[in-house]
Protein backbone atom coordinates (compact mmCIF):
# COMPACT_ATOMS: atom_id res chain seq x y z
CA MET A 1 -54.28 22.62 99.45
CA LEU A 2 -54.39 18.84 99.21
CA GLY A 3 -57.18 19.11 96.64
CA ILE A 4 -54.98 21.14 94.32
CA LEU A 5 -52.08 18.73 94.80
CA GLY A 6 -54.36 15.81 93.97
CA ARG A 7 -55.52 17.52 90.79
CA LEU A 8 -51.92 18.22 89.75
CA ILE A 9 -50.99 14.58 90.32
CA ALA A 10 -53.98 13.46 88.24
CA LEU A 11 -53.07 15.92 85.49
CA ALA A 12 -49.49 14.65 85.47
CA GLY A 13 -50.83 11.14 84.93
CA VAL A 14 -52.98 12.28 82.03
CA VAL A 15 -50.05 14.11 80.44
CA GLU A 16 -47.84 11.03 80.75
CA ALA A 17 -50.54 8.85 79.17
CA ALA A 18 -50.84 11.34 76.28
CA ARG A 19 -47.06 11.29 75.78
CA ARG A 20 -47.04 7.49 75.66
CA PHE A 21 -49.93 7.48 73.18
CA ALA A 22 -48.19 10.03 70.96
CA LYS A 23 -44.94 8.06 71.04
CA ASN A 24 -46.66 4.78 70.18
CA ASN A 25 -49.16 6.20 67.64
CA PRO A 26 -47.52 9.07 65.73
CA ALA A 27 -49.72 8.67 62.65
CA ALA A 28 -52.90 8.86 64.72
CA VAL A 29 -51.65 11.97 66.54
CA GLY A 30 -50.77 13.65 63.25
CA LYS A 31 -54.19 12.81 61.83
CA ILE A 32 -55.93 14.16 64.94
CA ALA A 33 -53.85 17.35 64.73
CA ASP A 34 -54.87 17.79 61.07
CA GLN A 35 -58.53 17.34 61.90
CA ALA A 36 -58.38 19.61 64.95
CA GLY A 37 -56.59 22.28 62.93
CA ARG A 38 -59.23 22.21 60.21
CA LEU A 39 -62.03 22.36 62.78
CA VAL A 40 -60.53 25.31 64.68
CA ASP A 41 -59.79 27.10 61.40
CA GLN A 42 -63.42 26.60 60.38
CA PHE A 43 -64.74 27.93 63.70
CA THR A 44 -62.46 30.99 63.55
CA LYS A 45 -63.36 31.54 59.88
CA GLY A 46 -59.69 31.50 58.86
CA LYS A 47 -58.74 34.40 61.12
CA PHE A 48 -55.88 32.41 62.71
CA SER A 49 -54.93 30.17 59.79
CA ASP A 50 -51.20 30.91 59.97
CA GLN A 51 -51.01 30.19 63.70
CA ILE A 52 -53.09 27.01 63.36
CA ASP A 53 -50.97 25.77 60.44
CA GLY A 54 -47.83 26.43 62.48
CA ALA A 55 -49.15 24.50 65.46
CA VAL A 56 -50.19 21.54 63.30
CA ARG A 57 -46.77 21.59 61.62
CA LYS A 58 -45.05 21.48 65.03
CA VAL A 59 -47.12 18.45 66.05
CA GLN A 60 -46.30 16.72 62.79
CA ASP A 61 -42.59 17.51 63.16
CA ALA A 62 -42.62 16.16 66.71
CA THR A 63 -44.32 12.94 65.62
CA GLY A 64 -42.32 12.56 62.43
CA ARG A 65 -45.41 12.71 60.22
CA ASP A 66 -45.47 14.76 57.02
CA SER A 67 -48.37 17.00 56.09
CA ALA A 68 -51.15 15.23 54.27
């Protein structure tokens, strides 16, 4: 039980660090989202393009970055 709790605490720390990074570096996060979206779209051969575009758009909206 303590092992699971320790992992959850560690995960919470990682999530908080990611939030701080996103808040302080919105352009970098938007760029990473663009690149990740293109990569996933390539691997799925366009099968999930609409869903991927929507997810990238949500990240860009949250960070205040327009689509490139």
